[in-house]
């Protein structure tokens, strides 16, 4: 079957056709003398060969590009939902841009919420409880101090990560620890029913200890998962990948994502093209939900660096019942969590007589 470009090259108006026809005419000067000379038949064969070869050569670059793109992934992921994270009040005087967790995108199994926070003193997130899931706080700028009722206290700064498993229950505070605006991302990841009542735990990663890699103008901090052959040491109870990519102008990325996982992109700075090279670019503060497939391709066609978080996780495929900071599988379990917190039992024993320090 001929492509449109091949048909165009074979048309009488084509320069290639004209040149080769002239060559044939010189060889076959006696075309009206029957039978045609053997040399004329050979010339026709030669002309046909040259014409086909020229046609194939002219379309080879575009065909190779298409083939290369198609060969990158068997099932490339594309953007199936695009959502601008809008500002809303949260905590005590704080402001967040929420994408996952809004009514347009209630959750994306196993992800429950994604906030981009921007907080200055004295605003913050004073004492509050959690049960049944994990929170991942990634500082983009500034510093936050965390305290909880078990006596844990620490400060994370620009580039640091705190991965907290609330499990059966925790009460904590998260407050600005520096002057100016503190910025970051907080992601909530659901726990399976068998893990919802485990003991709380923390993983804190300083920026200098987070795995990094670089390739062809693309840099990545690997908070969880693997990129460019480099794997993060972070343990994720719910299988998860979490990466912070920075792409220089003109660069492209082809990042594998396990098939069957749900995944999304959150753009921190700049704009880029995601999923399909001819797709419209998406800009900062947009959350892009990715469809099924085995990998994502990204192009930075702008003149500025592009920075985004790529997050994916294995779905739990369990019922989700949420009431504020409690996420369980049934309404009865939510009611139990509320009573446990109120009466200080089943994991909340220390909550009744604890409050964070200034």
Protein backbone atom coordinates (compact mmCIF):
# COMPACT_ATOMS: atom_id res chain seq x y z
CA UNK A 1 0.00 0.00 0.00
CA UNK A 2 1.36 3.44 -0.91
CA UNK A 3 1.39 6.36 1.49
CA UNK A 4 0.23 9.79 0.36
CA UNK A 5 3.85 11.03 0.22
CA UNK A 6 4.84 8.12 -2.01
CA UNK A 7 1.92 8.80 -4.38
CA UNK A 8 2.96 12.45 -4.61
CA UNK A 9 6.50 11.48 -5.61
CA UNK A 10 5.13 9.18 -8.33
CA UNK A 11 2.92 11.90 -9.88
CA UNK A 12 3.96 13.36 -13.30
CA UNK A 13 4.55 16.78 -11.72
CA UNK A 14 7.16 15.43 -9.32
CA UNK A 15 10.77 16.59 -10.00
CA UNK A 16 11.99 13.08 -9.33
CA UNK A 17 9.50 11.69 -11.86
CA UNK A 18 10.56 14.27 -14.47
CA UNK A 19 14.28 13.57 -14.03
CA UNK A 20 13.89 9.82 -14.24
CA UNK A 21 11.50 10.07 -17.19
CA UNK A 22 14.05 12.18 -19.10
CA UNK A 23 16.70 9.57 -18.38
CA UNK A 24 14.37 6.90 -19.70
CA UNK A 25 13.61 8.94 -22.82
CA UNK A 26 17.29 9.25 -23.66
CA UNK A 27 17.81 5.55 -23.25
CA UNK A 28 14.65 4.62 -25.16
CA UNK A 29 14.90 7.04 -28.10
CA UNK A 30 13.11 4.58 -30.40
CA UNK A 31 10.09 3.91 -28.18
CA UNK A 32 7.70 3.75 -31.23
CA UNK A 33 9.74 1.03 -32.98
CA UNK A 34 8.24 -2.36 -32.15
CA UNK A 35 9.38 -4.47 -30.49
CA UNK A 36 11.12 -2.28 -27.89
CA UNK A 37 14.83 -2.85 -27.63
CA UNK A 38 16.05 -4.97 -24.75
CA UNK A 39 18.04 -1.98 -23.44
CA UNK A 40 14.81 0.03 -23.20
CA UNK A 41 13.17 -2.64 -21.10
CA UNK A 42 16.23 -2.66 -18.87
CA UNK A 43 16.06 1.10 -18.57
CA UNK A 44 12.45 0.91 -17.50
CA UNK A 45 13.40 -1.59 -14.83
CA UNK A 46 16.28 0.62 -13.73
CA UNK A 47 14.00 3.66 -13.66
CA UNK A 48 11.40 1.86 -11.60
CA UNK A 49 14.07 0.73 -9.17
CA UNK A 50 15.54 4.22 -8.85
CA UNK A 51 12.10 5.77 -8.44
CA UNK A 52 11.08 3.38 -5.69
CA UNK A 53 14.44 3.83 -3.98
CA UNK A 54 14.14 7.62 -4.12
CA UNK A 55 10.61 7.42 -2.76
CA UNK A 56 11.67 5.19 0.11
CA UNK A 57 14.65 7.42 0.90
CA UNK A 58 12.57 10.58 0.97
CA UNK A 59 10.11 9.15 3.51
CA UNK A 60 12.64 7.24 5.62
CA UNK A 61 13.33 9.99 8.17
CA UNK A 62 9.67 10.50 9.09
CA UNK A 63 9.00 6.74 9.08
CA UNK A 64 12.01 6.13 11.32
CA UNK A 65 10.82 8.82 13.75
CA UNK A 66 7.35 7.29 13.95
CA UNK A 67 8.79 3.80 14.37
CA UNK A 68 11.15 4.97 17.12
CA UNK A 69 8.32 6.65 19.01
CA UNK A 70 6.09 3.61 18.65
CA UNK A 71 8.86 1.30 19.83
CA UNK A 72 9.46 3.24 23.06
CA UNK A 73 6.50 1.61 24.84
CA UNK A 74 4.11 -1.13 23.79
CA UNK A 75 1.25 0.78 25.40
CA UNK A 76 2.21 4.45 25.87
CA UNK A 77 0.17 6.29 28.47
CA UNK A 78 -1.76 9.42 27.52
CA UNK A 79 -3.48 12.11 29.57
CA UNK A 80 -7.13 11.19 30.21
CA UNK A 81 -7.97 13.98 32.67
CA UNK A 82 -6.48 17.44 33.20
CA UNK A 83 -7.31 19.36 36.36
CA UNK A 84 -6.12 22.77 37.53
CA UNK A 85 -5.38 22.70 41.27
CA UNK A 86 -7.37 25.58 42.74
CA UNK A 87 -6.55 27.41 45.97
CA UNK A 88 -8.61 26.74 49.09
CA UNK A 89 -8.20 27.40 52.83
CA UNK A 90 -6.90 24.58 55.00
CA UNK A 91 -5.55 24.14 58.52
CA UNK A 92 -5.18 27.35 60.53
CA UNK A 93 -4.86 30.24 58.07
CA UNK A 94 -3.01 28.16 55.47
CA UNK A 95 -3.73 27.93 51.75
CA UNK A 96 -3.36 24.86 49.56
CA UNK A 97 -3.87 24.04 45.90
CA UNK A 98 -5.81 20.75 45.91
CA UNK A 99 -6.14 18.47 42.91
CA UNK A 100 -6.75 14.88 44.01
CA UNK A 101 -9.35 14.98 46.77
CA UNK A 102 -11.67 17.53 45.14
CA UNK A 103 -15.11 16.58 43.92
CA UNK A 104 -13.83 16.43 40.31
CA UNK A 105 -11.23 13.83 41.33
CA UNK A 106 -12.30 12.36 44.63
CA UNK A 107 -9.44 9.85 44.67
CA UNK A 108 -7.21 7.89 42.33
CA UNK A 109 -6.68 4.51 43.98
CA UNK A 110 -4.47 4.26 46.03
CA UNK A 111 -4.09 8.07 46.20
CA UNK A 112 -6.52 10.01 48.38
CA UNK A 113 -5.32 13.61 48.21
CA UNK A 114 -2.64 15.85 46.75
CA UNK A 115 -2.03 19.38 48.07
CA UNK A 116 0.51 21.94 46.96
CA UNK A 117 0.83 24.08 50.08
CA UNK A 118 2.09 27.62 50.48
CA UNK A 119 2.27 28.70 54.13
CA UNK A 120 3.77 31.56 56.13
CA UNK A 121 3.88 32.04 59.91
CA UNK A 122 1.73 32.06 61.98
CA UNK A 123 -0.48 29.92 59.71
CA UNK A 124 0.01 26.17 59.62
CA UNK A 125 -1.50 22.82 60.50
CA UNK A 126 -1.85 22.53 64.29
CA UNK A 127 -2.64 19.34 66.23
CA UNK A 128 -4.83 16.94 64.24
CA UNK A 129 -5.33 13.14 64.02
CA UNK A 130 -4.97 10.55 61.25
CA UNK A 131 -5.85 6.88 60.86
CA UNK A 132 -5.73 4.37 58.04
CA UNK A 133 -3.30 5.85 55.49
CA UNK A 134 0.12 7.44 54.86
CA UNK A 135 1.18 11.04 54.28
CA UNK A 136 4.19 12.00 52.17
CA UNK A 137 5.43 15.57 52.66
CA UNK A 138 7.98 16.86 50.13
CA UNK A 139 9.46 20.30 50.81
CA UNK A 140 9.97 22.43 47.71
CA UNK A 141 11.04 25.57 49.55
CA UNK A 142 11.54 26.54 53.20
CA UNK A 143 11.12 24.29 56.24
CA UNK A 144 8.40 22.61 58.34
CA UNK A 145 8.58 21.24 61.88
CA UNK A 146 6.65 18.10 62.75
CA UNK A 147 5.66 16.95 66.26
CA UNK A 148 3.49 14.06 67.39
CA UNK A 149 2.02 12.62 70.57
CA UNK A 150 4.61 9.82 70.68
CA UNK A 151 7.43 12.31 71.25
CA UNK A 152 8.75 12.48 67.70
CA UNK A 153 9.91 15.91 66.57
CA UNK A 154 11.90 17.00 63.56
CA UNK A 155 12.30 19.60 60.85
CA UNK A 156 12.43 18.97 57.13
CA UNK A 157 13.86 21.59 54.75
CA UNK A 158 14.02 22.21 51.01
CA UNK A 159 14.31 18.90 49.17
CA UNK A 160 13.64 16.74 52.24
CA UNK A 161 10.86 14.15 52.51
CA UNK A 162 8.85 12.80 55.42
CA UNK A 163 6.96 9.56 54.75
CA UNK A 164 4.59 8.98 57.67
CA UNK A 165 2.47 5.88 58.17
CA UNK A 166 -0.44 6.85 60.41
CA UNK A 167 -1.67 3.28 60.77
CA UNK A 168 -3.97 2.78 63.77
CA UNK A 169 -3.64 6.38 64.86
CA UNK A 170 -1.47 9.41 65.32
CA UNK A 171 -1.96 13.02 66.40
CA UNK A 172 0.58 15.53 65.14
CA UNK A 173 1.23 19.11 64.05
CA UNK A 174 2.97 20.54 60.98
CA UNK A 175 4.06 24.16 61.28
CA UNK A 176 6.38 26.56 59.39
CA UNK A 177 9.94 26.55 60.73
CA UNK A 178 11.37 29.49 58.78
CA UNK A 179 10.48 33.01 57.79
CA UNK A 180 8.86 33.71 54.46
CA UNK A 181 6.75 31.32 52.42
CA UNK A 182 7.13 27.57 52.92
CA UNK A 183 6.15 25.51 49.89
CA UNK A 184 5.73 21.81 49.35
CA UNK A 185 3.59 18.88 48.25
CA UNK A 186 1.66 16.58 50.54
CA UNK A 187 0.32 13.31 49.17
CA UNK A 188 -2.04 10.94 50.98
CA UNK A 189 -1.66 7.25 50.11
CA UNK A 190 -4.24 4.70 51.22
CA UNK A 191 -3.33 1.59 53.19
CA UNK A 192 -4.87 -1.81 52.55
CA UNK A 193 -7.39 -3.13 55.07
CA UNK A 194 -4.76 -5.45 56.56
CA UNK A 195 -2.41 -2.51 57.22
CA UNK A 196 -4.80 0.16 58.46
CA UNK A 197 -4.30 -0.72 62.12
CA UNK A 198 -0.51 -1.21 62.15
CA UNK A 199 1.70 0.86 64.44
CA UNK A 200 2.67 4.33 63.18
CA UNK A 201 6.13 4.74 61.65
CA UNK A 202 8.28 7.35 59.89
CA UNK A 203 10.82 7.47 57.11
CA UNK A 204 12.63 10.79 56.86
CA UNK A 205 14.91 11.45 53.92
CA UNK A 206 17.27 14.38 53.77
CA UNK A 207 17.72 15.86 50.32
CA UNK A 208 21.37 14.77 50.18
CA UNK A 209 20.34 11.15 50.76
CA UNK A 210 17.65 10.95 48.06
CA UNK A 211 18.70 8.95 45.01
CA UNK A 212 19.35 11.08 41.91
CA UNK A 213 20.09 10.45 38.24
CA UNK A 214 20.66 12.49 35.06
CA UNK A 215 20.38 11.66 31.37
CA UNK A 216 20.25 13.77 28.21
CA UNK A 217 19.14 16.99 29.87
CA UNK A 218 16.74 15.32 32.32
CA UNK A 219 17.42 15.24 36.06
CA UNK A 220 15.39 13.20 38.53
CA UNK A 221 15.14 12.84 42.30
CA UNK A 222 13.84 9.35 43.01
CA UNK A 223 11.81 9.50 46.20
CA UNK A 224 10.32 6.05 45.56
CA UNK A 225 10.66 3.61 42.68
CA UNK A 226 13.25 3.50 39.89
CA UNK A 227 14.38 5.80 37.07
CA UNK A 228 17.38 5.65 34.70
CA UNK A 229 18.47 2.43 36.39
CA UNK A 230 18.67 4.02 39.85
CA UNK A 231 16.37 2.78 42.63
CA UNK A 232 15.24 4.53 45.81
CA UNK A 233 15.82 2.67 49.10
CA UNK A 234 12.48 3.87 50.51
CA UNK A 235 10.07 1.13 51.57
CA UNK A 236 6.51 1.65 50.40
CA UNK A 237 3.88 -0.49 52.08
CA UNK A 238 1.50 0.30 49.24
CA UNK A 239 3.65 -0.20 46.10
CA UNK A 240 4.39 3.35 44.91
CA UNK A 241 6.67 5.36 42.62
CA UNK A 242 7.32 9.06 43.30
CA UNK A 243 9.78 11.10 41.24
CA UNK A 244 10.70 14.76 40.83
CA UNK A 245 11.82 15.45 37.24
CA UNK A 246 13.46 18.58 35.87
CA UNK A 247 13.75 18.73 32.06
CA UNK A 248 15.85 21.26 30.20
CA UNK A 249 14.48 22.94 27.04
CA UNK A 250 14.51 20.56 24.08
CA UNK A 251 14.82 17.41 26.18
CA UNK A 252 12.50 14.43 26.21
CA UNK A 253 11.75 11.66 28.69
CA UNK A 254 10.48 8.10 28.33
CA UNK A 255 9.77 6.74 31.82
CA UNK A 256 8.40 3.22 32.37
CA UNK A 257 5.39 2.85 34.68
CA UNK A 258 4.19 -0.60 35.80
CA UNK A 259 1.14 -1.76 33.88
CA UNK A 260 -1.98 -1.87 36.00
CA UNK A 261 -0.85 0.99 38.25
CA UNK A 262 -2.71 4.27 38.43
CA UNK A 263 -0.48 7.27 37.78
CA UNK A 264 -0.55 11.04 37.52
CA UNK A 265 1.68 14.05 36.89
CA UNK A 266 1.69 17.26 38.92
CA UNK A 267 3.44 20.17 37.20
CA UNK A 268 5.46 22.31 39.60
CA UNK A 269 7.08 24.80 37.20
CA UNK A 270 7.13 25.44 33.46
CA UNK A 271 5.11 23.69 30.79
CA UNK A 272 5.47 20.47 28.85
CA UNK A 273 3.85 18.05 26.44
CA UNK A 274 2.75 14.77 28.02
CA UNK A 275 1.74 11.45 26.48
CA UNK A 276 1.54 12.42 22.80
CA UNK A 277 4.08 14.68 21.08
CA UNK A 278 1.33 16.63 19.32
CA UNK A 279 -0.75 17.12 22.49
CA UNK A 280 -1.35 20.62 23.81
CA UNK A 281 1.18 21.66 26.47
CA UNK A 282 0.16 21.70 30.14
CA UNK A 283 1.41 24.32 32.60
CA UNK A 284 2.18 24.67 36.32
CA UNK A 285 -0.38 23.68 38.98
CA UNK A 286 -2.11 21.18 36.67
CA UNK A 287 -2.69 17.57 37.68
CA UNK A 288 -2.68 15.17 34.72
CA UNK A 289 -4.28 11.76 35.22
CA UNK A 290 -2.68 9.16 32.97
CA UNK A 291 -4.51 6.37 31.20
CA UNK A 292 -3.42 2.71 31.17
CA UNK A 293 -0.12 1.64 29.65
CA UNK A 294 3.49 0.78 30.37
CA UNK A 295 5.20 4.16 30.24
CA UNK A 296 5.00 7.93 29.81
CA UNK A 297 6.73 10.14 27.25
CA UNK A 298 7.29 13.84 27.95
CA UNK A 299 8.70 16.63 25.78
CA UNK A 300 9.90 20.06 26.88
CA UNK A 301 9.36 22.21 23.79
CA UNK A 302 9.48 25.49 25.71
CA UNK A 303 12.44 27.76 26.35
CA UNK A 304 12.38 27.23 30.12
CA UNK A 305 13.03 24.24 32.42
CA UNK A 306 10.06 21.99 33.17
CA UNK A 307 9.65 20.51 36.65
CA UNK A 308 7.00 17.99 37.62
CA UNK A 309 6.26 15.13 39.99
CA UNK A 310 5.40 11.75 38.49
CA UNK A 311 3.54 9.50 40.91
CA UNK A 312 2.14 6.01 40.43
CA UNK A 313 0.78 3.28 42.65
CA UNK A 314 -0.76 -0.17 42.64
CA UNK A 315 -4.53 0.06 43.18
CA UNK A 316 -5.86 -1.57 46.34
CA UNK A 317 -9.30 -2.19 44.82
CA UNK A 318 -10.97 -1.88 48.22
CA UNK A 319 -13.88 0.26 49.42
CA UNK A 320 -12.85 3.74 50.58
CA UNK A 321 -14.82 5.49 53.30
CA UNK A 322 -13.33 8.80 54.40
CA UNK A 323 -14.31 11.25 57.08
CA UNK A 324 -11.79 14.08 57.25
CA UNK A 325 -8.48 12.65 58.56
CA UNK A 326 -9.83 9.10 58.94
CA UNK A 327 -9.82 6.70 55.96
CA UNK A 328 -11.21 3.20 56.45
CA UNK A 329 -13.20 0.59 54.50
CA UNK A 330 -16.63 0.83 56.15
CA UNK A 331 -18.81 3.41 57.87
CA UNK A 332 -18.67 1.34 61.04
CA UNK A 333 -14.87 1.60 61.04
CA UNK A 334 -15.09 5.37 60.58
CA UNK A 335 -17.48 5.60 63.52
CA UNK A 336 -15.06 3.49 65.57
CA UNK A 337 -12.14 5.76 64.62
CA UNK A 338 -14.05 8.85 65.73
CA UNK A 339 -14.96 7.25 69.05
CA UNK A 340 -11.40 6.01 69.60
CA UNK A 341 -10.03 9.50 69.04
CA UNK A 342 -12.67 11.11 71.27
CA UNK A 343 -12.18 8.64 74.13
CA UNK A 344 -8.41 8.21 73.69
CA UNK A 345 -8.23 4.49 73.02
CA UNK A 346 -7.10 1.90 70.40
CA UNK A 347 -4.06 3.89 69.33
CA UNK A 348 -5.10 7.34 70.55
CA UNK A 349 -4.31 6.82 74.24
CA UNK A 350 -1.69 9.58 74.29
CA UNK A 351 -3.91 12.09 72.54
CA UNK A 352 -5.95 13.09 75.60
CA UNK A 353 -3.09 14.74 77.47
CA UNK A 354 -0.86 15.92 74.63
CA UNK A 355 -0.46 19.16 72.72
CA UNK A 356 2.38 20.35 70.52
CA UNK A 357 4.80 23.02 71.67
CA UNK A 358 5.10 26.35 69.92
